[in-house]
Amino acid sequence: MVIHAGRLWDGRGPDVQTNVDIVVVNNRIDRIVPGGTAKVAAARTLDASTQTVMPGLWESHTHQYIEGKFYGDRLAALDGVRRDRAQLGG
């Protein structure tokens, strides 16, 4: 796959590269070359020429797997309140 990025911020410093091709092989960045110069046979191309690409970043603030006294107990308490309200017709 080749991602044509209008702007690329790689997180290694404050500088942003412009007009680059990001070559992805086996779900990993293989190389970054000047825009329009990536030569990859039968590669799928993603046009992000109007976008800023920030590879390798992920959303790191979730509560997806949180459990325990403070979070889990609150959910259980809320569930009990919902059940009680439903039984009372409210």
C-alpha atoms as a PDB file:
ATOM      1  CA  MET A   1       0.000   0.000   0.000  1.00  0.00           C
ATOM      2  CA  VAL A   2       1.103   3.548  -0.667  1.00  0.00           C
ATOM      3  CA  ILE A   3      -0.336   6.430   1.329  1.00  0.00           C
ATOM      4  CA  HIS A   4       0.174   9.779  -0.354  1.00  0.00           C
ATOM      5  CA  ALA A   5       0.248  12.282   2.515  1.00  0.00           C
ATOM      6  CA  GLY A   6      -0.046  16.009   2.074  1.00  0.00           C
ATOM      7  CA  ARG A   7       1.612  16.411   5.473  1.00  0.00           C
ATOM      8  CA  LEU A   8       3.324  13.854   7.697  1.00  0.00           C
ATOM      9  CA  TRP A   9       4.165  14.264  11.356  1.00  0.00           C
ATOM     10  CA  ASP A  10       6.133  11.259  12.612  1.00  0.00           C
ATOM     11  CA  GLY A  11       6.282  12.303  16.269  1.00  0.00           C
ATOM     12  CA  ARG A  12      10.066  12.371  16.460  1.00  0.00           C
ATOM     13  CA  GLY A  13      10.204  16.149  16.617  1.00  0.00           C
ATOM     14  CA  PRO A  14       8.260  19.279  15.757  1.00  0.00           C
ATOM     15  CA  ASP A  15       8.925  19.207  11.996  1.00  0.00           C
ATOM     16  CA  VAL A  16       6.267  18.222   9.486  1.00  0.00           C
ATOM     17  CA  GLN A  17       7.155  16.710   6.113  1.00  0.00           C
ATOM     18  CA  THR A  18       5.028  17.673   3.129  1.00  0.00           C
ATOM     19  CA  ASN A  19       4.034  15.808  -0.028  1.00  0.00           C
ATOM     20  CA  VAL A  20       5.360  12.346   0.839  1.00  0.00           C
ATOM     21  CA  ASP A  21       4.513   8.744  -0.024  1.00  0.00           C
ATOM     22  CA  ILE A  22       4.393   6.278   2.846  1.00  0.00           C
ATOM     23  CA  VAL A  23       5.067   2.740   1.630  1.00  0.00           C
ATOM     24  CA  VAL A  24       3.417   0.106   3.843  1.00  0.00           C
ATOM     25  CA  VAL A  25       4.470  -3.552   3.545  1.00  0.00           C
ATOM     26  CA  ASN A  26       2.927  -6.272   5.733  1.00  0.00           C
ATOM     27  CA  ASN A  27       1.169  -3.655   7.893  1.00  0.00           C
ATOM     28  CA  ARG A  28       4.434  -1.857   8.694  1.00  0.00           C
ATOM     29  CA  ILE A  29       5.896   1.358   7.308  1.00  0.00           C
ATOM     30  CA  ASP A  30       8.661   0.254   4.966  1.00  0.00           C
ATOM     31  CA  ARG A  31       9.854   3.650   3.786  1.00  0.00           C
ATOM     32  CA  ILE A  32       8.884   7.274   3.297  1.00  0.00           C
ATOM     33  CA  VAL A  33       9.811   8.867  -0.008  1.00  0.00           C
ATOM     34  CA  PRO A  34       9.056  12.158  -1.776  1.00  0.00           C
ATOM     35  CA  GLY A  35       5.483  12.325  -3.077  1.00  0.00           C
ATOM     36  CA  GLY A  36       4.852  10.585  -6.387  1.00  0.00           C
ATOM     37  CA  THR A  37       8.100   8.605  -6.365  1.00  0.00           C
ATOM     38  CA  ALA A  38       6.996   5.362  -4.653  1.00  0.00           C
ATOM     39  CA  LYS A  39       7.224   2.505  -7.120  1.00  0.00           C
ATOM     40  CA  VAL A  40       5.330  -0.482  -5.769  1.00  0.00           C
ATOM     41  CA  ALA A  41       3.852  -2.999  -8.203  1.00  0.00           C
ATOM     42  CA  ALA A  42       0.064  -3.392  -7.916  1.00  0.00           C
ATOM     43  CA  ALA A  43      -0.040  -1.367  -4.706  1.00  0.00           C
ATOM     44  CA  ARG A  44      -3.287   0.023  -3.381  1.00  0.00           C
ATOM     45  CA  THR A  45      -3.028   3.794  -3.067  1.00  0.00           C
ATOM     46  CA  LEU A  46      -4.698   5.921  -0.433  1.00  0.00           C
ATOM     47  CA  ASP A  47      -4.934   9.601  -1.308  1.00  0.00           C
ATOM     48  CA  ALA A  48      -4.420  11.630   1.857  1.00  0.00           C
ATOM     49  CA  SER A  49      -2.986  14.587  -0.040  1.00  0.00           C
ATOM     50  CA  THR A  50      -5.265  17.021   1.786  1.00  0.00           C
ATOM     51  CA  GLN A  51      -4.665  15.416   5.174  1.00  0.00           C
ATOM     52  CA  THR A  52      -2.041  15.353   7.906  1.00  0.00           C
ATOM     53  CA  VAL A  53      -0.966  11.762   8.582  1.00  0.00           C
ATOM     54  CA  MET A  54       0.326  10.742  12.016  1.00  0.00           C
ATOM     55  CA  PRO A  55       1.267   7.049  11.800  1.00  0.00           C
ATOM     56  CA  GLY A  56       1.745   4.925  14.871  1.00  0.00           C
ATOM     57  CA  LEU A  57      -0.545   6.925  17.124  1.00  0.00           C
ATOM     58  CA  TRP A  58      -3.520   5.400  18.848  1.00  0.00           C
ATOM     59  CA  GLU A  59      -6.194   6.558  21.195  1.00  0.00           C
ATOM     60  CA  SER A  60      -4.636   5.889  24.577  1.00  0.00           C
ATOM     61  CA  HIS A  61      -7.230   7.137  27.035  1.00  0.00           C
ATOM     62  CA  THR A  62      -9.972   4.565  27.355  1.00  0.00           C
ATOM     63  CA  HIS A  63     -11.850   2.936  30.170  1.00  0.00           C
ATOM     64  CA  GLN A  64     -12.667  -0.128  28.141  1.00  0.00           C
ATOM     65  CA  TYR A  65     -11.314  -2.716  30.581  1.00  0.00           C
ATOM     66  CA  ILE A  66     -11.546  -0.815  33.832  1.00  0.00           C
ATOM     67  CA  GLU A  67     -12.794  -2.754  36.817  1.00  0.00           C
ATOM     68  CA  GLY A  68     -12.562  -2.463  40.524  1.00  0.00           C
ATOM     69  CA  LYS A  69     -13.865  -0.630  43.502  1.00  0.00           C
ATOM     70  CA  PHE A  70     -14.337   2.824  42.065  1.00  0.00           C
ATOM     71  CA  TYR A  71     -15.580   2.118  38.548  1.00  0.00           C
ATOM     72  CA  GLY A  72     -17.178  -1.329  38.752  1.00  0.00           C
ATOM     73  CA  ASP A  73     -19.085  -0.570  41.958  1.00  0.00           C
ATOM     74  CA  ARG A  74     -20.553   2.563  40.418  1.00  0.00           C
ATOM     75  CA  LEU A  75     -21.814   0.636  37.402  1.00  0.00           C
ATOM     76  CA  ALA A  76     -23.392  -1.985  39.645  1.00  0.00           C
ATOM     77  CA  ALA A  77     -25.020   0.733  41.741  1.00  0.00           C
ATOM     78  CA  LEU A  78     -26.388   2.456  38.655  1.00  0.00           C
ATOM     79  CA  ASP A  79     -27.749  -0.829  37.374  1.00  0.00           C
ATOM     80  CA  GLY A  80     -29.554  -1.315  40.690  1.00  0.00           C
ATOM     81  CA  VAL A  81     -31.025   2.193  40.495  1.00  0.00           C
ATOM     82  CA  ARG A  82     -32.262   1.545  36.962  1.00  0.00           C
ATOM     83  CA  ARG A  83     -33.878  -1.726  38.014  1.00  0.00           C
ATOM     84  CA  ASP A  84     -35.569  -0.093  41.027  1.00  0.00           C
ATOM     85  CA  ARG A  85     -36.896   2.770  38.907  1.00  0.00           C
ATOM     86  CA  ALA A  86     -38.271   0.336  36.334  1.00  0.00           C
ATOM     87  CA  GLN A  87     -40.076  -1.648  39.038  1.00  0.00           C
ATOM     88  CA  LEU A  88     -41.575   1.554  40.442  1.00  0.00           C
ATOM     89  CA  GLY A  89     -42.752   2.600  37.017  1.00  0.00           C
ATOM     90  CA  GLY A  90     -40.341   5.524  36.758  1.00  0.00           C
END
